[in-house]
Amino acid sequence: MISRIGVQPVIASVGAGSTRQTYRVGDMVDGEEQMSNEVSCTNDLSVDGNVNLVHWRGEGALFRVYRSNGSGFDLLTETAESQFIDSGDA
């Protein structure tokens, strides 16, 4: 179960297309995916060097990171790590 989640935008250069990204992390517990709370930030991920660092605490062996730009959540990656750097490519 995810006990804590956060997101930190890293802004190398300000762009005109800043949008709000919202993240959730899923953790498999007893065969069911349990979702974290949502966290959000605003960043222009189309600008080279701009990224969002999503980080969390959880007990699972595999986590799923999801992002929404306002129209549902899309799976970005599955990872065993407790962080993910979103550069907007996914």
PDB file of N, CA and C in Angstrom:
ATOM      1  N   MET A   1       0.840  -1.177   0.000  1.00  0.00           N
ATOM      2  CA  MET A   1       0.000   0.000   0.000  1.00  0.00           C
ATOM      3  C   MET A   1       0.891   1.249   0.000  1.00  0.00           C
ATOM      4  N   ILE A   2       0.527   2.226  -0.785  1.00  0.00           N
ATOM      5  CA  ILE A   2       1.278   3.473  -0.865  1.00  0.00           C
ATOM      6  C   ILE A   2       0.947   4.312   0.361  1.00  0.00           C
ATOM      7  N   SER A   3       1.985   4.666   1.126  1.00  0.00           N
ATOM      8  CA  SER A   3       1.743   5.444   2.338  1.00  0.00           C
ATOM      9  C   SER A   3       2.007   6.930   2.143  1.00  0.00           C
ATOM     10  N   ARG A   4       2.709   7.267   1.064  1.00  0.00           N
ATOM     11  CA  ARG A   4       3.023   8.676   0.825  1.00  0.00           C
ATOM     12  C   ARG A   4       3.359   8.848  -0.647  1.00  0.00           C
ATOM     13  N   ILE A   5       2.943   9.976  -1.245  1.00  0.00           N
ATOM     14  CA  ILE A   5       3.249  10.258  -2.641  1.00  0.00           C
ATOM     15  C   ILE A   5       3.466  11.758  -2.797  1.00  0.00           C
ATOM     16  N   GLY A   6       4.385  12.126  -3.683  1.00  0.00           N
ATOM     17  CA  GLY A   6       4.657  13.534  -3.947  1.00  0.00           C
ATOM     18  C   GLY A   6       5.123  13.717  -5.374  1.00  0.00           C
ATOM     19  N   VAL A   7       5.109  14.961  -5.839  1.00  0.00           N
ATOM     20  CA  VAL A   7       5.619  15.279  -7.173  1.00  0.00           C
ATOM     21  C   VAL A   7       6.330  16.616  -7.104  1.00  0.00           C
ATOM     22  N   GLN A   8       7.459  16.696  -7.792  1.00  0.00           N
ATOM     23  CA  GLN A   8       8.240  17.923  -7.823  1.00  0.00           C
ATOM     24  C   GLN A   8       8.561  18.253  -9.279  1.00  0.00           C
ATOM     25  N   PRO A   9       8.078  19.401  -9.782  1.00  0.00           N
ATOM     26  CA  PRO A   9       8.451  19.779 -11.141  1.00  0.00           C
ATOM     27  C   PRO A   9       9.879  20.310 -11.172  1.00  0.00           C
ATOM     28  N   VAL A  10      10.612  19.939 -12.207  1.00  0.00           N
ATOM     29  CA  VAL A  10      11.952  20.470 -12.451  1.00  0.00           C
ATOM     30  C   VAL A  10      11.842  21.269 -13.747  1.00  0.00           C
ATOM     31  N   ILE A  11      12.016  22.573 -13.646  1.00  0.00           N
ATOM     32  CA  ILE A  11      11.790  23.458 -14.782  1.00  0.00           C
ATOM     33  C   ILE A  11      13.125  24.033 -15.246  1.00  0.00           C
ATOM     34  N   ALA A  12      13.597  23.542 -16.408  1.00  0.00           N
ATOM     35  CA  ALA A  12      14.844  24.030 -16.986  1.00  0.00           C
ATOM     36  C   ALA A  12      14.605  25.333 -17.736  1.00  0.00           C
ATOM     37  N   SER A  13      13.425  25.437 -18.357  1.00  0.00           N
ATOM     38  CA  SER A  13      13.085  26.626 -19.129  1.00  0.00           C
ATOM     39  C   SER A  13      11.569  26.779 -19.140  1.00  0.00           C
ATOM     40  N   VAL A  14      11.104  27.975 -18.970  1.00  0.00           N
ATOM     41  CA  VAL A  14       9.660  28.238 -18.963  1.00  0.00           C
ATOM     42  C   VAL A  14       9.145  28.189 -20.396  1.00  0.00           C
ATOM     43  N   GLY A  15       8.034  27.501 -20.579  1.00  0.00           N
ATOM     44  CA  GLY A  15       7.417  27.402 -21.895  1.00  0.00           C
ATOM     45  C   GLY A  15       6.009  27.960 -21.858  1.00  0.00           C
ATOM     46  N   ALA A  16       5.474  28.201 -23.024  1.00  0.00           N
ATOM     47  CA  ALA A  16       4.133  28.784 -23.126  1.00  0.00           C
ATOM     48  C   ALA A  16       3.031  27.757 -22.919  1.00  0.00           C
ATOM     49  N   GLY A  17       3.372  26.464 -22.988  1.00  0.00           N
ATOM     50  CA  GLY A  17       2.351  25.428 -22.950  1.00  0.00           C
ATOM     51  C   GLY A  17       2.235  24.707 -21.629  1.00  0.00           C
ATOM     52  N   SER A  18       2.435  25.393 -20.525  1.00  0.00           N
ATOM     53  CA  SER A  18       2.346  24.727 -19.227  1.00  0.00           C
ATOM     54  C   SER A  18       0.963  24.128 -19.027  1.00  0.00           C
ATOM     55  N   THR A  19       0.941  22.874 -18.610  1.00  0.00           N
ATOM     56  CA  THR A  19      -0.318  22.185 -18.312  1.00  0.00           C
ATOM     57  C   THR A  19      -0.196  21.501 -16.962  1.00  0.00           C
ATOM     58  N   ARG A  20      -1.336  21.152 -16.422  1.00  0.00           N
ATOM     59  CA  ARG A  20      -1.375  20.484 -15.120  1.00  0.00           C
ATOM     60  C   ARG A  20      -1.333  18.978 -15.353  1.00  0.00           C
ATOM     61  N   GLN A  21      -0.408  18.320 -14.674  1.00  0.00           N
ATOM     62  CA  GLN A  21      -0.328  16.866 -14.703  1.00  0.00           C
ATOM     63  C   GLN A  21      -0.693  16.340 -13.322  1.00  0.00           C
ATOM     64  N   THR A  22      -1.497  15.285 -13.307  1.00  0.00           N
ATOM     65  CA  THR A  22      -1.914  14.653 -12.064  1.00  0.00           C
ATOM     66  C   THR A  22      -1.455  13.203 -12.105  1.00  0.00           C
ATOM     67  N   TYR A  23      -0.920  12.733 -10.998  1.00  0.00           N
ATOM     68  CA  TYR A  23      -0.337  11.391 -10.928  1.00  0.00           C
ATOM     69  C   TYR A  23      -0.992  10.566  -9.833  1.00  0.00           C
ATOM     70  N   ARG A  24      -1.013   9.250 -10.075  1.00  0.00           N
ATOM     71  CA  ARG A  24      -1.392   8.260  -9.075  1.00  0.00           C
ATOM     72  C   ARG A  24      -0.438   7.089  -9.236  1.00  0.00           C
ATOM     73  N   VAL A  25      -0.195   6.377  -8.145  1.00  0.00           N
ATOM     74  CA  VAL A  25       0.648   5.186  -8.188  1.00  0.00           C
ATOM     75  C   VAL A  25      -0.166   4.018  -7.666  1.00  0.00           C
ATOM     76  N   GLY A  26      -0.112   2.910  -8.396  1.00  0.00           N
ATOM     77  CA  GLY A  26      -0.793   1.692  -7.994  1.00  0.00           C
ATOM     78  C   GLY A  26       0.192   0.695  -7.411  1.00  0.00           C
ATOM     79  N   ASP A  27      -0.243  -0.022  -6.402  1.00  0.00           N
ATOM     80  CA  ASP A  27       0.568  -1.009  -5.688  1.00  0.00           C
ATOM     81  C   ASP A  27      -0.256  -2.290  -5.601  1.00  0.00           C
ATOM     82  N   MET A  28       0.320  -3.408  -6.013  1.00  0.00           N
ATOM     83  CA  MET A  28      -0.402  -4.667  -5.955  1.00  0.00           C
ATOM     84  C   MET A  28      -0.364  -5.227  -4.536  1.00  0.00           C
ATOM     85  N   VAL A  29      -1.549  -5.409  -3.939  1.00  0.00           N
ATOM     86  CA  VAL A  29      -1.682  -5.957  -2.589  1.00  0.00           C
ATOM     87  C   VAL A  29      -2.713  -7.074  -2.644  1.00  0.00           C
ATOM     88  N   ASP A  30      -2.304  -8.292  -2.277  1.00  0.00           N
ATOM     89  CA  ASP A  30      -3.183  -9.466  -2.277  1.00  0.00           C
ATOM     90  C   ASP A  30      -3.894  -9.631  -3.615  1.00  0.00           C
ATOM     91  N   GLY A  31      -3.160  -9.416  -4.711  1.00  0.00           N
ATOM     92  CA  GLY A  31      -3.709  -9.621  -6.047  1.00  0.00           C
ATOM     93  C   GLY A  31      -4.577  -8.496  -6.567  1.00  0.00           C
ATOM     94  N   GLU A  32      -4.732  -7.431  -5.795  1.00  0.00           N
ATOM     95  CA  GLU A  32      -5.542  -6.288  -6.228  1.00  0.00           C
ATOM     96  C   GLU A  32      -4.690  -5.030  -6.229  1.00  0.00           C
ATOM     97  N   GLU A  33      -4.916  -4.190  -7.235  1.00  0.00           N
ATOM     98  CA  GLU A  33      -4.182  -2.936  -7.303  1.00  0.00           C
ATOM     99  C   GLU A  33      -4.847  -1.899  -6.407  1.00  0.00           C
ATOM    100  N   GLN A  34      -4.054  -1.357  -5.484  1.00  0.00           N
ATOM    101  CA  GLN A  34      -4.541  -0.294  -4.611  1.00  0.00           C
ATOM    102  C   GLN A  34      -3.897   1.001  -5.061  1.00  0.00           C
ATOM    103  N   MET A  35      -4.715   2.036  -5.240  1.00  0.00           N
ATOM    104  CA  MET A  35      -4.244   3.294  -5.796  1.00  0.00           C
ATOM    105  C   MET A  35      -3.930   4.305  -4.700  1.00  0.00           C
ATOM    106  N   SER A  36      -2.911   5.104  -4.949  1.00  0.00           N
ATOM    107  CA  SER A  36      -2.542   6.189  -4.054  1.00  0.00           C
ATOM    108  C   SER A  36      -3.507   7.355  -4.211  1.00  0.00           C
ATOM    109  N   ASN A  37      -3.345   8.344  -3.357  1.00  0.00           N
ATOM    110  CA  ASN A  37      -4.019   9.623  -3.560  1.00  0.00           C
ATOM    111  C   ASN A  37      -3.433  10.272  -4.808  1.00  0.00           C
ATOM    112  N   GLU A  38      -4.112  11.288  -5.320  1.00  0.00           N
ATOM    113  CA  GLU A  38      -3.622  12.033  -6.474  1.00  0.00           C
ATOM    114  C   GLU A  38      -2.710  13.166  -6.017  1.00  0.00           C
ATOM    115  N   VAL A  39      -1.657  13.432  -6.808  1.00  0.00           N
ATOM    116  CA  VAL A  39      -0.810  14.611  -6.625  1.00  0.00           C
ATOM    117  C   VAL A  39      -0.688  15.291  -7.977  1.00  0.00           C
ATOM    118  N   SER A  40      -0.562  16.628  -7.969  1.00  0.00           N
ATOM    119  CA  SER A  40      -0.529  17.382  -9.217  1.00  0.00           C
ATOM    120  C   SER A  40       0.535  18.456  -9.188  1.00  0.00           C
ATOM    121  N   CYS A  41       0.947  18.867 -10.375  1.00  0.00           N
ATOM    122  CA  CYS A  41       1.827  20.017 -10.543  1.00  0.00           C
ATOM    123  C   CYS A  41       1.604  20.579 -11.945  1.00  0.00           C
ATOM    124  N   THR A  42       2.151  21.751 -12.192  1.00  0.00           N
ATOM    125  CA  THR A  42       2.043  22.389 -13.500  1.00  0.00           C
ATOM    126  C   THR A  42       3.439  22.557 -14.070  1.00  0.00           C
ATOM    127  N   ASN A  43       3.625  22.086 -15.308  1.00  0.00           N
ATOM    128  CA  ASN A  43       4.921  22.133 -15.950  1.00  0.00           C
ATOM    129  C   ASN A  43       4.698  21.987 -17.452  1.00  0.00           C
ATOM    130  N   ASP A  44       5.616  22.514 -18.264  1.00  0.00           N
ATOM    131  CA  ASP A  44       5.567  22.343 -19.709  1.00  0.00           C
ATOM    132  C   ASP A  44       6.538  21.239 -20.087  1.00  0.00           C
ATOM    133  N   LEU A  45       6.033  20.007 -20.165  1.00  0.00           N
ATOM    134  CA  LEU A  45       6.886  18.863 -20.439  1.00  0.00           C
ATOM    135  C   LEU A  45       7.330  18.787 -21.897  1.00  0.00           C
ATOM    136  N   SER A  46       6.841  19.691 -22.765  1.00  0.00           N
ATOM    137  CA  SER A  46       7.299  19.719 -24.155  1.00  0.00           C
ATOM    138  C   SER A  46       8.625  20.458 -24.295  1.00  0.00           C
ATOM    139  N   VAL A  47       9.065  21.158 -23.245  1.00  0.00           N
ATOM    140  CA  VAL A  47      10.337  21.880 -23.263  1.00  0.00           C
ATOM    141  C   VAL A  47      11.445  20.934 -22.815  1.00  0.00           C
ATOM    142  N   ASP A  48      12.519  20.833 -23.627  1.00  0.00           N
ATOM    143  CA  ASP A  48      13.652  19.975 -23.277  1.00  0.00           C
ATOM    144  C   ASP A  48      14.198  20.345 -21.904  1.00  0.00           C
ATOM    145  N   GLY A  49      14.409  19.339 -21.085  1.00  0.00           N
ATOM    146  CA  GLY A  49      14.959  19.541 -19.743  1.00  0.00           C
ATOM    147  C   GLY A  49      13.916  19.650 -18.659  1.00  0.00           C
ATOM    148  N   ASN A  50      12.670  19.933 -19.000  1.00  0.00           N
ATOM    149  CA  ASN A  50      11.601  19.991 -18.003  1.00  0.00           C
ATOM    150  C   ASN A  50      11.111  18.576 -17.708  1.00  0.00           C
ATOM    151  N   VAL A  51      11.030  18.222 -16.437  1.00  0.00           N
ATOM    152  CA  VAL A  51      10.558  16.908 -16.016  1.00  0.00           C
ATOM    153  C   VAL A  51       9.773  17.052 -14.719  1.00  0.00           C
ATOM    154  N   ASN A  52       9.022  16.025 -14.389  1.00  0.00           N
ATOM    155  CA  ASN A  52       8.354  15.923 -13.091  1.00  0.00           C
ATOM    156  C   ASN A  52       8.894  14.684 -12.395  1.00  0.00           C
ATOM    157  N   LEU A  53       9.342  14.860 -11.157  1.00  0.00           N
ATOM    158  CA  LEU A  53       9.826  13.746 -10.355  1.00  0.00           C
ATOM    159  C   LEU A  53       8.684  13.299  -9.442  1.00  0.00           C
ATOM    160  N   VAL A  54       8.174  12.099  -9.697  1.00  0.00           N
ATOM    161  CA  VAL A  54       7.112  11.517  -8.874  1.00  0.00           C
ATOM    162  C   VAL A  54       7.796  10.528  -7.923  1.00  0.00           C
ATOM    163  N   HIS A  55       7.498  10.630  -6.629  1.00  0.00           N
ATOM    164  CA  HIS A  55       8.140   9.757  -5.645  1.00  0.00           C
ATOM    165  C   HIS A  55       7.100   9.309  -4.626  1.00  0.00           C
ATOM    166  N   TRP A  56       7.330   8.147  -4.036  1.00  0.00           N
ATOM    167  CA  TRP A  56       6.349   7.570  -3.118  1.00  0.00           C
ATOM    168  C   TRP A  56       7.023   6.598  -2.160  1.00  0.00           C
ATOM    169  N   ARG A  57       6.258   6.208  -1.139  1.00  0.00           N
ATOM    170  CA  ARG A  57       6.643   5.135  -0.219  1.00  0.00           C
ATOM    171  C   ARG A  57       5.591   4.053  -0.330  1.00  0.00           C
ATOM    172  N   GLY A  58       6.050   2.839  -0.487  1.00  0.00           N
ATOM    173  CA  GLY A  58       5.124   1.716  -0.587  1.00  0.00           C
ATOM    174  C   GLY A  58       5.826   0.426  -0.238  1.00  0.00           C
ATOM    175  N   GLU A  59       5.038  -0.610  -0.042  1.00  0.00           N
ATOM    176  CA  GLU A  59       5.578  -1.886   0.392  1.00  0.00           C
ATOM    177  C   GLU A  59       5.636  -2.916  -0.726  1.00  0.00           C
ATOM    178  N   GLY A  60       5.113  -2.590  -1.874  1.00  0.00           N
ATOM    179  CA  GLY A  60       5.046  -3.555  -2.962  1.00  0.00           C
ATOM    180  C   GLY A  60       6.368  -3.781  -3.659  1.00  0.00           C
ATOM    181  N   ALA A  61       6.399  -4.826  -4.483  1.00  0.00           N
ATOM    182  CA  ALA A  61       7.588  -5.137  -5.273  1.00  0.00           C
ATOM    183  C   ALA A  61       7.497  -4.500  -6.661  1.00  0.00           C
ATOM    184  N   LEU A  62       6.278  -4.155  -7.080  1.00  0.00           N
ATOM    185  CA  LEU A  62       6.063  -3.563  -8.393  1.00  0.00           C
ATOM    186  C   LEU A  62       5.003  -2.472  -8.271  1.00  0.00           C
ATOM    187  N   PHE A  63       5.303  -1.327  -8.852  1.00  0.00           N
ATOM    188  CA  PHE A  63       4.396  -0.187  -8.801  1.00  0.00           C
ATOM    189  C   PHE A  63       4.023   0.231 -10.224  1.00  0.00           C
ATOM    190  N   ARG A  64       2.842   0.763 -10.379  1.00  0.00           N
ATOM    191  CA  ARG A  64       2.383   1.298 -11.663  1.00  0.00           C
ATOM    192  C   ARG A  64       2.144   2.792 -11.504  1.00  0.00           C
ATOM    193  N   VAL A  65       2.738   3.584 -12.404  1.00  0.00           N
ATOM    194  CA  VAL A  65       2.616   5.035 -12.354  1.00  0.00           C
ATOM    195  C   VAL A  65       1.664   5.476 -13.452  1.00  0.00           C
ATOM    196  N   TYR A  66       0.667   6.281 -13.058  1.00  0.00           N
ATOM    197  CA  TYR A  66      -0.354   6.780 -13.981  1.00  0.00           C
ATOM    198  C   TYR A  66      -0.317   8.302 -14.021  1.00  0.00           C
ATOM    199  N   ARG A  67      -0.629   8.876 -15.189  1.00  0.00           N
ATOM    200  CA  ARG A  67      -0.700  10.337 -15.339  1.00  0.00           C
ATOM    201  C   ARG A  67      -2.002  10.705 -16.040  1.00  0.00           C
ATOM    202  N   SER A  68      -2.564  11.828 -15.610  1.00  0.00           N
ATOM    203  CA  SER A  68      -3.749  12.392 -16.257  1.00  0.00           C
ATOM    204  C   SER A  68      -3.484  13.854 -16.583  1.00  0.00           C
ATOM    205  N   ASN A  69      -3.907  14.258 -17.760  1.00  0.00           N
ATOM    206  CA  ASN A  69      -3.898  15.671 -18.139  1.00  0.00           C
ATOM    207  C   ASN A  69      -5.323  16.202 -18.144  1.00  0.00           C
ATOM    208  N   GLY A  70      -6.208  15.514 -17.458  1.00  0.00           N
ATOM    209  CA  GLY A  70      -7.578  15.976 -17.323  1.00  0.00           C
ATOM    210  C   GLY A  70      -8.631  15.067 -17.917  1.00  0.00           C
ATOM    211  N   SER A  71      -8.218  14.028 -18.637  1.00  0.00           N
ATOM    212  CA  SER A  71      -9.214  13.151 -19.261  1.00  0.00           C
ATOM    213  C   SER A  71      -8.915  11.680 -18.964  1.00  0.00           C
ATOM    214  N   GLY A  72      -8.922  11.311 -17.715  1.00  0.00           N
ATOM    215  CA  GLY A  72      -8.645   9.938 -17.316  1.00  0.00           C
ATOM    216  C   GLY A  72      -7.164   9.702 -17.123  1.00  0.00           C
ATOM    217  N   PHE A  73      -6.825   8.592 -16.507  1.00  0.00           N
ATOM    218  CA  PHE A  73      -5.435   8.265 -16.209  1.00  0.00           C
ATOM    219  C   PHE A  73      -4.899   7.255 -17.217  1.00  0.00           C
ATOM    220  N   ASP A  74      -3.662   7.494 -17.672  1.00  0.00           N
ATOM    221  CA  ASP A  74      -2.965   6.581 -18.575  1.00  0.00           C
ATOM    222  C   ASP A  74      -1.765   5.985 -17.851  1.00  0.00           C
ATOM    223  N   LEU A  75      -1.538   4.694 -18.063  1.00  0.00           N
ATOM    224  CA  LEU A  75      -0.386   4.022 -17.477  1.00  0.00           C
ATOM    225  C   LEU A  75       0.885   4.513 -18.155  1.00  0.00           C
ATOM    226  N   LEU A  76       1.843   5.014 -17.361  1.00  0.00           N
ATOM    227  CA  LEU A  76       3.128   5.475 -17.892  1.00  0.00           C
ATOM    228  C   LEU A  76       4.179   4.383 -17.843  1.00  0.00           C
ATOM    229  N   THR A  77       4.251   3.678 -16.712  1.00  0.00           N
ATOM    230  CA  THR A  77       5.298   2.675 -16.543  1.00  0.00           C
ATOM    231  C   THR A  77       4.977   1.761 -15.379  1.00  0.00           C
ATOM    232  N   GLU A  78       5.661   0.620 -15.351  1.00  0.00           N
ATOM    233  CA  GLU A  78       5.702  -0.259 -14.188  1.00  0.00           C
ATOM    234  C   GLU A  78       7.154  -0.265 -13.717  1.00  0.00           C
ATOM    235  N   THR A  79       7.367  -0.176 -12.422  1.00  0.00           N
ATOM    236  CA  THR A  79       8.723  -0.083 -11.887  1.00  0.00           C
ATOM    237  C   THR A  79       8.806  -0.694 -10.505  1.00  0.00           C
ATOM    238  N   ALA A  80       9.996  -1.173 -10.165  1.00  0.00           N
ATOM    239  CA  ALA A  80      10.268  -1.645  -8.805  1.00  0.00           C
ATOM    240  C   ALA A  80      10.854  -0.519  -7.960  1.00  0.00           C
ATOM    241  N   GLU A  81      11.178   0.596  -8.595  1.00  0.00           N
ATOM    242  CA  GLU A  81      11.744   1.753  -7.904  1.00  0.00           C
ATOM    243  C   GLU A  81      10.656   2.500  -7.135  1.00  0.00           C
ATOM    244  N   SER A  82      11.064   3.456  -6.296  1.00  0.00           N
ATOM    245  CA  SER A  82      10.094   4.271  -5.556  1.00  0.00           C
ATOM    246  C   SER A  82      10.060   5.696  -6.091  1.00  0.00           C
ATOM    247  N   GLN A  83      10.446   5.845  -7.357  1.00  0.00           N
ATOM    248  CA  GLN A  83      10.361   7.154  -8.015  1.00  0.00           C
ATOM    249  C   GLN A  83      10.296   6.959  -9.521  1.00  0.00           C
ATOM    250  N   PHE A  84       9.813   7.978 -10.204  1.00  0.00           N
ATOM    251  CA  PHE A  84       9.731   7.946 -11.664  1.00  0.00           C
ATOM    252  C   PHE A  84       9.919   9.372 -12.167  1.00  0.00           C
ATOM    253  N   ILE A  85      10.746   9.532 -13.189  1.00  0.00           N
ATOM    254  CA  ILE A  85      10.949  10.850 -13.802  1.00  0.00           C
ATOM    255  C   ILE A  85      10.148  10.888 -15.088  1.00  0.00           C
ATOM    256  N   ASP A  86       9.159  11.792 -15.111  1.00  0.00           N
ATOM    257  CA  ASP A  86       8.281  11.945 -16.272  1.00  0.00           C
ATOM    258  C   ASP A  86       8.790  13.124 -17.112  1.00  0.00           C
ATOM    259  N   SER A  87       9.263  12.796 -18.308  1.00  0.00           N
ATOM    260  CA  SER A  87       9.716  13.825 -19.235  1.00  0.00           C
ATOM    261  C   SER A  87       8.665  14.145 -20.286  1.00  0.00           C
ATOM    262  N   GLY A  88       7.491  13.519 -20.155  1.00  0.00           N
ATOM    263  CA  GLY A  88       6.402  13.779 -21.076  1.00  0.00           C
ATOM    264  C   GLY A  88       6.411  12.917 -22.312  1.00  0.00           C
ATOM    265  N   ASP A  89       7.381  12.011 -22.430  1.00  0.00           N
ATOM    266  CA  ASP A  89       7.504  11.167 -23.626  1.00  0.00           C
ATOM    267  C   ASP A  89       6.498  10.028 -23.654  1.00  0.00           C
ATOM    268  N   ALA A  90       6.034   9.611 -22.504  1.00  0.00           N
ATOM    269  CA  ALA A  90       5.138   8.454 -22.438  1.00  0.00           C
ATOM    270  C   ALA A  90       3.721   8.808 -22.799  1.00  0.00           C
TER     271      ALA A  90
END
